[in-house]
Amino acid sequence: NEVMCLVCGVPLALADAPQAQRERVFITRMVSQCRSKSQIKSAL
């Protein structure tokens, strides 16, 4: 809800482009590494 899809220009929660899927995979990997929301946003 706090990040955007770079291709669509909409919040990631609403996007379904391949770029959005790559961003979700990146976020999922960071969540599984036990990172906080601010750390994940900084990494993004």
PDB file of all heavy atoms in Angstrom:
ATOM      1  N   ASN A   1       0.808  -1.214   0.000  1.00  0.00           N
ATOM      2  CA  ASN A   1       0.000   0.000   0.000  1.00  0.00           C
ATOM      3  C   ASN A   1       0.844   1.269   0.000  1.00  0.00           C
ATOM      4  O   ASN A   1       0.321   2.349  -0.245  1.00  0.00           O
ATOM      5  CB  ASN A   1      -0.948   0.007   1.198  1.00  0.00           C
ATOM      6  CG  ASN A   1      -1.998  -1.066   1.083  1.00  0.00           C
ATOM      7  OD1 ASN A   1      -2.464  -1.367  -0.014  1.00  0.00           O
ATOM      8  ND2 ASN A   1      -2.362  -1.651   2.195  1.00  0.00           N
ATOM      9  N   GLU A   2       2.125   1.156   0.298  1.00  0.00           N
ATOM     10  CA  GLU A   2       2.971   2.337   0.414  1.00  0.00           C
ATOM     11  C   GLU A   2       4.010   2.452  -0.693  1.00  0.00           C
ATOM     12  O   GLU A   2       4.828   3.366  -0.667  1.00  0.00           O
ATOM     13  CB  GLU A   2       3.659   2.339   1.780  1.00  0.00           C
ATOM     14  CG  GLU A   2       2.668   2.446   2.916  1.00  0.00           C
ATOM     15  CD  GLU A   2       3.330   2.525   4.270  1.00  0.00           C
ATOM     16  OE1 GLU A   2       4.534   2.805   4.333  1.00  0.00           O
ATOM     17  OE2 GLU A   2       2.625   2.304   5.271  1.00  0.00           O
ATOM     18  N   VAL A   3       3.994   1.527  -1.646  1.00  0.00           N
ATOM     19  CA  VAL A   3       4.925   1.592  -2.769  1.00  0.00           C
ATOM     20  C   VAL A   3       4.139   1.519  -4.081  1.00  0.00           C
ATOM     21  O   VAL A   3       2.988   1.097  -4.111  1.00  0.00           O
ATOM     22  CB  VAL A   3       5.994   0.481  -2.717  1.00  0.00           C
ATOM     23  CG1 VAL A   3       6.876   0.632  -1.500  1.00  0.00           C
ATOM     24  CG2 VAL A   3       5.375  -0.891  -2.743  1.00  0.00           C
ATOM     25  N   MET A   4       4.804   1.951  -5.155  1.00  0.00           N
ATOM     26  CA  MET A   4       4.154   2.045  -6.456  1.00  0.00           C
ATOM     27  C   MET A   4       4.735   1.026  -7.426  1.00  0.00           C
ATOM     28  O   MET A   4       5.895   0.635  -7.308  1.00  0.00           O
ATOM     29  CB  MET A   4       4.377   3.438  -7.059  1.00  0.00           C
ATOM     30  CG  MET A   4       3.919   4.572  -6.191  1.00  0.00           C
ATOM     31  SD  MET A   4       2.156   4.686  -6.053  1.00  0.00           S
ATOM     32  CE  MET A   4       1.774   5.418  -7.609  1.00  0.00           C
ATOM     33  N   CYS A   5       3.937   0.634  -8.398  1.00  0.00           N
ATOM     34  CA  CYS A   5       4.439  -0.135  -9.529  1.00  0.00           C
ATOM     35  C   CYS A   5       5.062   0.875 -10.479  1.00  0.00           C
ATOM     36  O   CYS A   5       4.417   1.853 -10.864  1.00  0.00           O
ATOM     37  CB  CYS A   5       3.300  -0.887 -10.216  1.00  0.00           C
ATOM     38  SG  CYS A   5       3.824  -1.692 -11.748  1.00  0.00           S
ATOM     39  N   LEU A   6       6.302   0.669 -10.843  1.00  0.00           N
ATOM     40  CA  LEU A   6       7.010   1.635 -11.680  1.00  0.00           C
ATOM     41  C   LEU A   6       6.464   1.685 -13.101  1.00  0.00           C
ATOM     42  O   LEU A   6       6.570   2.704 -13.771  1.00  0.00           O
ATOM     43  CB  LEU A   6       8.501   1.310 -11.695  1.00  0.00           C
ATOM     44  CG  LEU A   6       9.191   1.411 -10.339  1.00  0.00           C
ATOM     45  CD1 LEU A   6      10.627   0.942 -10.441  1.00  0.00           C
ATOM     46  CD2 LEU A   6       9.124   2.820  -9.810  1.00  0.00           C
ATOM     47  N   VAL A   7       5.865   0.616 -13.571  1.00  0.00           N
ATOM     48  CA  VAL A   7       5.339   0.568 -14.932  1.00  0.00           C
ATOM     49  C   VAL A   7       3.936   1.174 -14.986  1.00  0.00           C
ATOM     50  O   VAL A   7       3.636   1.992 -15.843  1.00  0.00           O
ATOM     51  CB  VAL A   7       5.330  -0.889 -15.454  1.00  0.00           C
ATOM     52  CG1 VAL A   7       4.640  -0.982 -16.797  1.00  0.00           C
ATOM     53  CG2 VAL A   7       6.733  -1.424 -15.538  1.00  0.00           C
ATOM     54  N   CYS A   8       3.084   0.771 -14.058  1.00  0.00           N
ATOM     55  CA  CYS A   8       1.675   1.193 -14.082  1.00  0.00           C
ATOM     56  C   CYS A   8       1.464   2.579 -13.490  1.00  0.00           C
ATOM     57  O   CYS A   8       0.527   3.269 -13.855  1.00  0.00           O
ATOM     58  CB  CYS A   8       0.815   0.201 -13.304  1.00  0.00           C
ATOM     59  SG  CYS A   8       0.990  -1.492 -13.850  1.00  0.00           S
ATOM     60  N   GLY A   9       2.271   2.957 -12.520  1.00  0.00           N
ATOM     61  CA  GLY A   9       2.081   4.236 -11.851  1.00  0.00           C
ATOM     62  C   GLY A   9       0.954   4.211 -10.833  1.00  0.00           C
ATOM     63  O   GLY A   9       0.407   5.253 -10.486  1.00  0.00           O
ATOM     64  N   VAL A  10       0.570   3.037 -10.379  1.00  0.00           N
ATOM     65  CA  VAL A  10      -0.481   2.885  -9.361  1.00  0.00           C
ATOM     66  C   VAL A  10       0.125   2.170  -8.161  1.00  0.00           C
ATOM     67  O   VAL A  10       1.190   1.564  -8.266  1.00  0.00           O
ATOM     68  CB  VAL A  10      -1.696   2.094  -9.910  1.00  0.00           C
ATOM     69  CG1 VAL A  10      -2.358   2.832 -11.053  1.00  0.00           C
ATOM     70  CG2 VAL A  10      -1.309   0.705 -10.331  1.00  0.00           C
ATOM     71  N   PRO A  11      -0.559   2.213  -7.007  1.00  0.00           N
ATOM     72  CA  PRO A  11      -0.034   1.471  -5.856  1.00  0.00           C
ATOM     73  C   PRO A  11       0.151  -0.012  -6.204  1.00  0.00           C
ATOM     74  O   PRO A  11      -0.616  -0.584  -6.983  1.00  0.00           O
ATOM     75  CB  PRO A  11      -1.102   1.656  -4.784  1.00  0.00           C
ATOM     76  CG  PRO A  11      -1.755   2.942  -5.133  1.00  0.00           C
ATOM     77  CD  PRO A  11      -1.736   3.007  -6.637  1.00  0.00           C
ATOM     78  N   LEU A  12       1.171  -0.593  -5.636  1.00  0.00           N
ATOM     79  CA  LEU A  12       1.526  -1.980  -5.939  1.00  0.00           C
ATOM     80  C   LEU A  12       0.378  -2.940  -5.627  1.00  0.00           C
ATOM     81  O   LEU A  12       0.216  -3.957  -6.288  1.00  0.00           O
ATOM     82  CB  LEU A  12       2.785  -2.369  -5.161  1.00  0.00           C
ATOM     83  CG  LEU A  12       3.436  -3.687  -5.532  1.00  0.00           C
ATOM     84  CD1 LEU A  12       3.870  -3.680  -6.993  1.00  0.00           C
ATOM     85  CD2 LEU A  12       4.616  -3.963  -4.638  1.00  0.00           C
ATOM     86  N   ALA A  13      -0.436  -2.598  -4.638  1.00  0.00           N
ATOM     87  CA  ALA A  13      -1.562  -3.456  -4.276  1.00  0.00           C
ATOM     88  C   ALA A  13      -2.571  -3.581  -5.425  1.00  0.00           C
ATOM     89  O   ALA A  13      -3.306  -4.563  -5.501  1.00  0.00           O
ATOM     90  CB  ALA A  13      -2.252  -2.913  -3.028  1.00  0.00           C
ATOM     91  N   LEU A  14      -2.613  -2.583  -6.330  1.00  0.00           N
ATOM     92  CA  LEU A  14      -3.575  -2.597  -7.437  1.00  0.00           C
ATOM     93  C   LEU A  14      -2.974  -3.082  -8.752  1.00  0.00           C
ATOM     94  O   LEU A  14      -3.697  -3.333  -9.700  1.00  0.00           O
ATOM     95  CB  LEU A  14      -4.145  -1.189  -7.642  1.00  0.00           C
ATOM     96  CG  LEU A  14      -4.823  -0.553  -6.438  1.00  0.00           C
ATOM     97  CD1 LEU A  14      -5.212   0.869  -6.746  1.00  0.00           C
ATOM     98  CD2 LEU A  14      -6.031  -1.366  -6.022  1.00  0.00           C
ATOM     99  N   ALA A  15      -1.656  -3.169  -8.822  1.00  0.00           N
ATOM    100  CA  ALA A  15      -0.974  -3.475 -10.081  1.00  0.00           C
ATOM    101  C   ALA A  15      -0.848  -4.979 -10.294  1.00  0.00           C
ATOM    102  O   ALA A  15      -0.759  -5.753  -9.341  1.00  0.00           O
ATOM    103  CB  ALA A  15       0.404  -2.834 -10.079  1.00  0.00           C
ATOM    104  N   ASP A  16      -0.806  -5.364 -11.581  1.00  0.00           N
ATOM    105  CA  ASP A  16      -0.643  -6.772 -11.916  1.00  0.00           C
ATOM    106  C   ASP A  16       0.353  -6.965 -13.063  1.00  0.00           C
ATOM    107  O   ASP A  16       0.349  -7.978 -13.727  1.00  0.00           O
ATOM    108  CB  ASP A  16      -2.000  -7.389 -12.284  1.00  0.00           C
ATOM    109  CG  ASP A  16      -1.976  -8.895 -12.207  1.00  0.00           C
ATOM    110  OD1 ASP A  16      -1.191  -9.434 -11.396  1.00  0.00           O
ATOM    111  OD2 ASP A  16      -2.717  -9.550 -12.965  1.00  0.00           O
ATOM    112  N   ALA A  17       1.187  -5.973 -13.304  1.00  0.00           N
ATOM    113  CA  ALA A  17       2.193  -6.049 -14.370  1.00  0.00           C
ATOM    114  C   ALA A  17       3.342  -6.953 -13.935  1.00  0.00           C
ATOM    115  O   ALA A  17       3.523  -7.224 -12.742  1.00  0.00           O
ATOM    116  CB  ALA A  17       2.716  -4.652 -14.675  1.00  0.00           C
ATOM    117  N   PRO A  18       4.148  -7.439 -14.877  1.00  0.00           N
ATOM    118  CA  PRO A  18       5.312  -8.250 -14.514  1.00  0.00           C
ATOM    119  C   PRO A  18       6.268  -7.519 -13.564  1.00  0.00           C
ATOM    120  O   PRO A  18       6.837  -8.134 -12.668  1.00  0.00           O
ATOM    121  CB  PRO A  18       5.982  -8.546 -15.862  1.00  0.00           C
ATOM    122  CG  PRO A  18       4.875  -8.459 -16.857  1.00  0.00           C
ATOM    123  CD  PRO A  18       3.942  -7.413 -16.333  1.00  0.00           C
ATOM    124  N   GLN A  19       6.400  -6.209 -13.751  1.00  0.00           N
ATOM    125  CA  GLN A  19       7.250  -5.425 -12.836  1.00  0.00           C
ATOM    126  C   GLN A  19       6.681  -5.459 -11.426  1.00  0.00           C
ATOM    127  O   GLN A  19       7.412  -5.569 -10.446  1.00  0.00           O
ATOM    128  CB  GLN A  19       7.367  -3.971 -13.325  1.00  0.00           C
ATOM    129  CG  GLN A  19       8.103  -3.060 -12.376  1.00  0.00           C
ATOM    130  CD  GLN A  19       9.559  -3.449 -12.175  1.00  0.00           C
ATOM    131  OE1 GLN A  19      10.193  -3.987 -13.065  1.00  0.00           O
ATOM    132  NE2 GLN A  19      10.080  -3.185 -11.003  1.00  0.00           N
ATOM    133  N   ALA A  20       5.369  -5.386 -11.303  1.00  0.00           N
ATOM    134  CA  ALA A  20       4.732  -5.454  -9.988  1.00  0.00           C
ATOM    135  C   ALA A  20       4.992  -6.811  -9.338  1.00  0.00           C
ATOM    136  O   ALA A  20       5.234  -6.887  -8.121  1.00  0.00           O
ATOM    137  CB  ALA A  20       3.230  -5.205 -10.121  1.00  0.00           C
ATOM    138  N   GLN A  21       4.955  -7.859 -10.122  1.00  0.00           N
ATOM    139  CA  GLN A  21       5.240  -9.189  -9.585  1.00  0.00           C
ATOM    140  C   GLN A  21       6.686  -9.281  -9.088  1.00  0.00           C
ATOM    141  O   GLN A  21       6.953  -9.859  -8.034  1.00  0.00           O
ATOM    142  CB  GLN A  21       4.981 -10.269 -10.655  1.00  0.00           C
ATOM    143  CG  GLN A  21       3.540 -10.362 -11.109  1.00  0.00           C
ATOM    144  CD  GLN A  21       2.596 -10.691  -9.974  1.00  0.00           C
ATOM    145  OE1 GLN A  21       2.942 -11.377  -9.024  1.00  0.00           O
ATOM    146  NE2 GLN A  21       1.375 -10.170 -10.060  1.00  0.00           N
ATOM    147  N   ARG A  22       7.616  -8.664  -9.833  1.00  0.00           N
ATOM    148  CA  ARG A  22       9.020  -8.674  -9.398  1.00  0.00           C
ATOM    149  C   ARG A  22       9.177  -7.902  -8.088  1.00  0.00           C
ATOM    150  O   ARG A  22       9.917  -8.325  -7.190  1.00  0.00           O
ATOM    151  CB  ARG A  22       9.918  -8.070 -10.480  1.00  0.00           C
ATOM    152  CG  ARG A  22      10.154  -8.996 -11.646  1.00  0.00           C
ATOM    153  CD  ARG A  22      11.241  -8.475 -12.572  1.00  0.00           C
ATOM    154  NE  ARG A  22      10.833  -7.315 -13.339  1.00  0.00           N
ATOM    155  CZ  ARG A  22      10.169  -7.370 -14.489  1.00  0.00           C
ATOM    156  NH1 ARG A  22       9.835  -8.530 -15.004  1.00  0.00           N
ATOM    157  NH2 ARG A  22       9.865  -6.268 -15.134  1.00  0.00           N
ATOM    158  N   GLU A  23       8.477  -6.780  -7.969  1.00  0.00           N
ATOM    159  CA  GLU A  23       8.548  -6.008  -6.724  1.00  0.00           C
ATOM    160  C   GLU A  23       7.967  -6.812  -5.560  1.00  0.00           C
ATOM    161  O   GLU A  23       8.506  -6.787  -4.449  1.00  0.00           O
ATOM    162  CB  GLU A  23       7.808  -4.679  -6.876  1.00  0.00           C
ATOM    163  CG  GLU A  23       8.522  -3.692  -7.782  1.00  0.00           C
ATOM    164  CD  GLU A  23       7.768  -2.384  -7.935  1.00  0.00           C
ATOM    165  OE1 GLU A  23       7.159  -1.934  -6.950  1.00  0.00           O
ATOM    166  OE2 GLU A  23       7.798  -1.817  -9.043  1.00  0.00           O
ATOM    167  N   ARG A  24       6.861  -7.525  -5.791  1.00  0.00           N
ATOM    168  CA  ARG A  24       6.262  -8.348  -4.737  1.00  0.00           C
ATOM    169  C   ARG A  24       7.217  -9.452  -4.291  1.00  0.00           C
ATOM    170  O   ARG A  24       7.319  -9.745  -3.100  1.00  0.00           O
ATOM    171  CB  ARG A  24       4.952  -8.954  -5.209  1.00  0.00           C
ATOM    172  CG  ARG A  24       3.798  -8.034  -5.098  1.00  0.00           C
ATOM    173  CD  ARG A  24       2.471  -8.753  -5.323  1.00  0.00           C
ATOM    174  NE  ARG A  24       1.454  -7.769  -5.587  1.00  0.00           N
ATOM    175  CZ  ARG A  24       1.096  -7.354  -6.796  1.00  0.00           C
ATOM    176  NH1 ARG A  24       1.635  -7.883  -7.866  1.00  0.00           N
ATOM    177  NH2 ARG A  24       0.173  -6.424  -6.936  1.00  0.00           N
ATOM    178  N   VAL A  25       7.898 -10.088  -5.247  1.00  0.00           N
ATOM    179  CA  VAL A  25       8.868 -11.137  -4.909  1.00  0.00           C
ATOM    180  C   VAL A  25       9.987 -10.547  -4.058  1.00  0.00           C
ATOM    181  O   VAL A  25      10.409 -11.142  -3.060  1.00  0.00           O
ATOM    182  CB  VAL A  25       9.419 -11.808  -6.193  1.00  0.00           C
ATOM    183  CG1 VAL A  25      10.618 -12.678  -5.894  1.00  0.00           C
ATOM    184  CG2 VAL A  25       8.327 -12.611  -6.872  1.00  0.00           C
ATOM    185  N   PHE A  26      10.456  -9.366  -4.438  1.00  0.00           N
ATOM    186  CA  PHE A  26      11.508  -8.685  -3.675  1.00  0.00           C
ATOM    187  C   PHE A  26      11.037  -8.407  -2.247  1.00  0.00           C
ATOM    188  O   PHE A  26      11.750  -8.663  -1.275  1.00  0.00           O
ATOM    189  CB  PHE A  26      11.893  -7.382  -4.390  1.00  0.00           C
ATOM    190  CG  PHE A  26      13.041  -6.652  -3.771  1.00  0.00           C
ATOM    191  CD1 PHE A  26      14.341  -7.019  -4.037  1.00  0.00           C
ATOM    192  CD2 PHE A  26      12.819  -5.581  -2.917  1.00  0.00           C
ATOM    193  CE1 PHE A  26      15.411  -6.343  -3.465  1.00  0.00           C
ATOM    194  CE2 PHE A  26      13.867  -4.896  -2.345  1.00  0.00           C
ATOM    195  CZ  PHE A  26      15.168  -5.281  -2.619  1.00  0.00           C
ATOM    196  N   ILE A  27       9.808  -7.894  -2.126  1.00  0.00           N
ATOM    197  CA  ILE A  27       9.254  -7.588  -0.790  1.00  0.00           C
ATOM    198  C   ILE A  27       9.083  -8.869   0.015  1.00  0.00           C
ATOM    199  O   ILE A  27       9.416  -8.910   1.208  1.00  0.00           O
ATOM    200  CB  ILE A  27       7.912  -6.839  -0.930  1.00  0.00           C
ATOM    201  CG1 ILE A  27       8.152  -5.449  -1.529  1.00  0.00           C
ATOM    202  CG2 ILE A  27       7.216  -6.709   0.423  1.00  0.00           C
ATOM    203  CD1 ILE A  27       6.887  -4.745  -1.956  1.00  0.00           C
ATOM    204  N   THR A  28       8.591  -9.941  -0.613  1.00  0.00           N
ATOM    205  CA  THR A  28       8.403 -11.216   0.088  1.00  0.00           C
ATOM    206  C   THR A  28       9.732 -11.744   0.603  1.00  0.00           C
ATOM    207  O   THR A  28       9.816 -12.232   1.737  1.00  0.00           O
ATOM    208  CB  THR A  28       7.746 -12.243  -0.854  1.00  0.00           C
ATOM    209  OG1 THR A  28       6.529 -11.700  -1.345  1.00  0.00           O
ATOM    210  CG2 THR A  28       7.472 -13.539  -0.138  1.00  0.00           C
ATOM    211  N   ARG A  29      10.771 -11.617  -0.211  1.00  0.00           N
ATOM    212  CA  ARG A  29      12.104 -12.067   0.210  1.00  0.00           C
ATOM    213  C   ARG A  29      12.578 -11.255   1.421  1.00  0.00           C
ATOM    214  O   ARG A  29      13.127 -11.804   2.378  1.00  0.00           O
ATOM    215  CB  ARG A  29      13.088 -11.918  -0.952  1.00  0.00           C
ATOM    216  CG  ARG A  29      14.372 -12.672  -0.735  1.00  0.00           C
ATOM    217  CD  ARG A  29      15.307 -12.625  -1.940  1.00  0.00           C
ATOM    218  NE  ARG A  29      14.622 -12.753  -3.217  1.00  0.00           N
ATOM    219  CZ  ARG A  29      14.781 -11.903  -4.236  1.00  0.00           C
ATOM    220  NH1 ARG A  29      15.600 -10.889  -4.135  1.00  0.00           N
ATOM    221  NH2 ARG A  29      14.140 -12.096  -5.369  1.00  0.00           N
ATOM    222  N   MET A  30      12.330  -9.948   1.409  1.00  0.00           N
ATOM    223  CA  MET A  30      12.751  -9.093   2.526  1.00  0.00           C
ATOM    224  C   MET A  30      11.946  -9.411   3.794  1.00  0.00           C
ATOM    225  O   MET A  30      12.485  -9.400   4.891  1.00  0.00           O
ATOM    226  CB  MET A  30      12.590  -7.616   2.158  1.00  0.00           C
ATOM    227  CG  MET A  30      13.420  -7.175   0.964  1.00  0.00           C
ATOM    228  SD  MET A  30      15.168  -7.319   1.235  1.00  0.00           S
ATOM    229  CE  MET A  30      15.456  -5.858   2.161  1.00  0.00           C
ATOM    230  N   VAL A  31      10.651  -9.697   3.639  1.00  0.00           N
ATOM    231  CA  VAL A  31       9.819 -10.059   4.798  1.00  0.00           C
ATOM    232  C   VAL A  31      10.301 -11.372   5.387  1.00  0.00           C
ATOM    233  O   VAL A  31      10.384 -11.521   6.615  1.00  0.00           O
ATOM    234  CB  VAL A  31       8.324 -10.134   4.397  1.00  0.00           C
ATOM    235  CG1 VAL A  31       7.495 -10.799   5.482  1.00  0.00           C
ATOM    236  CG2 VAL A  31       7.785  -8.749   4.112  1.00  0.00           C
ATOM    237  N   SER A  32      10.669 -12.321   4.528  1.00  0.00           N
ATOM    238  CA  SER A  32      11.150 -13.611   5.046  1.00  0.00           C
ATOM    239  C   SER A  32      12.504 -13.475   5.732  1.00  0.00           C
ATOM    240  O   SER A  32      12.857 -14.305   6.559  1.00  0.00           O
ATOM    241  CB  SER A  32      11.230 -14.638   3.916  1.00  0.00           C
ATOM    242  OG  SER A  32      12.240 -14.277   2.993  1.00  0.00           O
ATOM    243  N   GLN A  33      13.253 -12.415   5.410  1.00  0.00           N
ATOM    244  CA  GLN A  33      14.528 -12.144   6.086  1.00  0.00           C
ATOM    245  C   GLN A  33      14.314 -11.347   7.374  1.00  0.00           C
ATOM    246  O   GLN A  33      15.268 -10.888   7.979  1.00  0.00           O
ATOM    247  CB  GLN A  33      15.471 -11.374   5.158  1.00  0.00           C
ATOM    248  CG  GLN A  33      15.939 -12.179   3.983  1.00  0.00           C
ATOM    249  CD  GLN A  33      16.749 -11.330   3.018  1.00  0.00           C
ATOM    250  OE1 GLN A  33      16.975 -10.149   3.230  1.00  0.00           O
ATOM    251  NE2 GLN A  33      17.206 -11.960   1.947  1.00  0.00           N
ATOM    252  N   CYS A  34      13.040 -11.152   7.743  1.00  0.00           N
ATOM    253  CA  CYS A  34      12.676 -10.509   9.010  1.00  0.00           C
ATOM    254  C   CYS A  34      13.062  -9.027   9.024  1.00  0.00           C
ATOM    255  O   CYS A  34      13.524  -8.512  10.038  1.00  0.00           O
ATOM    256  CB  CYS A  34      13.317 -11.262  10.170  1.00  0.00           C
ATOM    257  SG  CYS A  34      12.383 -11.101  11.681  1.00  0.00           S
ATOM    258  N   ARG A  35      12.852  -8.338   7.903  1.00  0.00           N
ATOM    259  CA  ARG A  35      13.147  -6.907   7.824  1.00  0.00           C
ATOM    260  C   ARG A  35      11.918  -6.102   8.216  1.00  0.00           C
ATOM    261  O   ARG A  35      10.787  -6.524   8.012  1.00  0.00           O
ATOM    262  CB  ARG A  35      13.559  -6.526   6.397  1.00  0.00           C
ATOM    263  CG  ARG A  35      14.758  -7.264   5.865  1.00  0.00           C
ATOM    264  CD  ARG A  35      16.034  -6.621   6.387  1.00  0.00           C
ATOM    265  NE  ARG A  35      17.220  -7.343   5.999  1.00  0.00           N
ATOM    266  CZ  ARG A  35      17.936  -7.085   4.931  1.00  0.00           C
ATOM    267  NH1 ARG A  35      17.579  -6.133   4.115  1.00  0.00           N
ATOM    268  NH2 ARG A  35      19.015  -7.792   4.667  1.00  0.00           N
ATOM    269  N   SER A  36      12.136  -4.913   8.754  1.00  0.00           N
ATOM    270  CA  SER A  36      11.021  -4.039   9.119  1.00  0.00           C
ATOM    271  C   SER A  36      10.507  -3.332   7.868  1.00  0.00           C
ATOM    272  O   SER A  36      11.138  -3.351   6.815  1.00  0.00           O
ATOM    273  CB  SER A  36      11.464  -3.011  10.152  1.00  0.00           C
ATOM    274  OG  SER A  36      12.368  -2.093   9.565  1.00  0.00           O
ATOM    275  N   LYS A  37       9.353  -2.683   7.995  1.00  0.00           N
ATOM    276  CA  LYS A  37       8.764  -1.988   6.861  1.00  0.00           C
ATOM    277  C   LYS A  37       9.679  -0.884   6.349  1.00  0.00           C
ATOM    278  O   LYS A  37       9.849  -0.717   5.141  1.00  0.00           O
ATOM    279  CB  LYS A  37       7.406  -1.397   7.244  1.00  0.00           C
ATOM    280  CG  LYS A  37       6.655  -0.859   6.048  1.00  0.00           C
ATOM    281  CD  LYS A  37       5.424  -0.045   6.345  1.00  0.00           C
ATOM    282  CE  LYS A  37       4.448  -0.636   7.269  1.00  0.00           C
ATOM    283  NZ  LYS A  37       3.194   0.151   7.338  1.00  0.00           N
ATOM    284  N   SER A  38      10.285  -0.127   7.256  1.00  0.00           N
ATOM    285  CA  SER A  38      11.178   0.950   6.822  1.00  0.00           C
ATOM    286  C   SER A  38      12.428   0.391   6.142  1.00  0.00           C
ATOM    287  O   SER A  38      12.919   0.968   5.167  1.00  0.00           O
ATOM    288  CB  SER A  38      11.555   1.839   8.003  1.00  0.00           C
ATOM    289  OG  SER A  38      12.257   1.103   8.973  1.00  0.00           O
ATOM    290  N   GLN A  39      12.934  -0.738   6.628  1.00  0.00           N
ATOM    291  CA  GLN A  39      14.091  -1.364   5.970  1.00  0.00           C
ATOM    292  C   GLN A  39      13.721  -1.853   4.567  1.00  0.00           C
ATOM    293  O   GLN A  39      14.502  -1.711   3.622  1.00  0.00           O
ATOM    294  CB  GLN A  39      14.605  -2.533   6.804  1.00  0.00           C
ATOM    295  CG  GLN A  39      15.277  -2.132   8.088  1.00  0.00           C
ATOM    296  CD  GLN A  39      15.616  -3.334   8.959  1.00  0.00           C
ATOM    297  OE1 GLN A  39      14.939  -4.351   8.917  1.00  0.00           O
ATOM    298  NE2 GLN A  39      16.668  -3.201   9.760  1.00  0.00           N
ATOM    299  N   ILE A  40      12.519  -2.401   4.439  1.00  0.00           N
ATOM    300  CA  ILE A  40      12.075  -2.892   3.137  1.00  0.00           C
ATOM    301  C   ILE A  40      11.912  -1.726   2.168  1.00  0.00           C
ATOM    302  O   ILE A  40      12.353  -1.794   1.014  1.00  0.00           O
ATOM    303  CB  ILE A  40      10.757  -3.685   3.270  1.00  0.00           C
ATOM    304  CG1 ILE A  40      10.988  -4.963   4.084  1.00  0.00           C
ATOM    305  CG2 ILE A  40      10.173  -4.022   1.903  1.00  0.00           C
ATOM    306  CD1 ILE A  40       9.721  -5.694   4.467  1.00  0.00           C
ATOM    307  N   LYS A  41      11.318  -0.640   2.633  1.00  0.00           N
ATOM    308  CA  LYS A  41      11.141   0.516   1.761  1.00  0.00           C
ATOM    309  C   LYS A  41      12.487   1.121   1.362  1.00  0.00           C
ATOM    310  O   LYS A  41      12.673   1.534   0.212  1.00  0.00           O
ATOM    311  CB  LYS A  41      10.247   1.547   2.439  1.00  0.00           C
ATOM    312  CG  LYS A  41       8.787   1.105   2.457  1.00  0.00           C
ATOM    313  CD  LYS A  41       7.866   1.920   3.323  1.00  0.00           C
ATOM    314  CE  LYS A  41       7.883   3.368   3.140  1.00  0.00           C
ATOM    315  NZ  LYS A  41       6.897   4.076   3.965  1.00  0.00           N
ATOM    316  N   SER A  42      13.427   1.146   2.280  1.00  0.00           N
ATOM    317  CA  SER A  42      14.771   1.642   1.952  1.00  0.00           C
ATOM    318  C   SER A  42      15.438   0.746   0.915  1.00  0.00           C
ATOM    319  O   SER A  42      16.097   1.230  -0.011  1.00  0.00           O
ATOM    320  CB  SER A  42      15.630   1.713   3.211  1.00  0.00           C
ATOM    321  OG  SER A  42      15.125   2.654   4.103  1.00  0.00           O
ATOM    322  N   ALA A  43      15.280  -0.564   1.059  1.00  0.00           N
ATOM    323  CA  ALA A  43      15.856  -1.500   0.088  1.00  0.00           C
ATOM    324  C   ALA A  43      15.191  -1.335  -1.278  1.00  0.00           C
ATOM    325  O   ALA A  43      15.864  -1.418  -2.315  1.00  0.00           O
ATOM    326  CB  ALA A  43      15.701  -2.933   0.591  1.00  0.00           C
ATOM    327  N   LEU A  44      13.877  -1.085  -1.298  1.00  0.00           N
ATOM    328  CA  LEU A  44      13.187  -0.857  -2.558  1.00  0.00           C
ATOM    329  C   LEU A  44      13.697   0.405  -3.244  1.00  0.00           C
ATOM    330  O   LEU A  44      13.885   0.428  -4.460  1.00  0.00           O
ATOM    331  CB  LEU A  44      11.676  -0.746  -2.324  1.00  0.00           C
ATOM    332  CG  LEU A  44      10.933  -2.066  -2.139  1.00  0.00           C
ATOM    333  CD1 LEU A  44       9.544  -1.819  -1.586  1.00  0.00           C
ATOM    334  CD2 LEU A  44      10.850  -2.820  -3.439  1.00  0.00           C
TER     335      LEU A  44
END
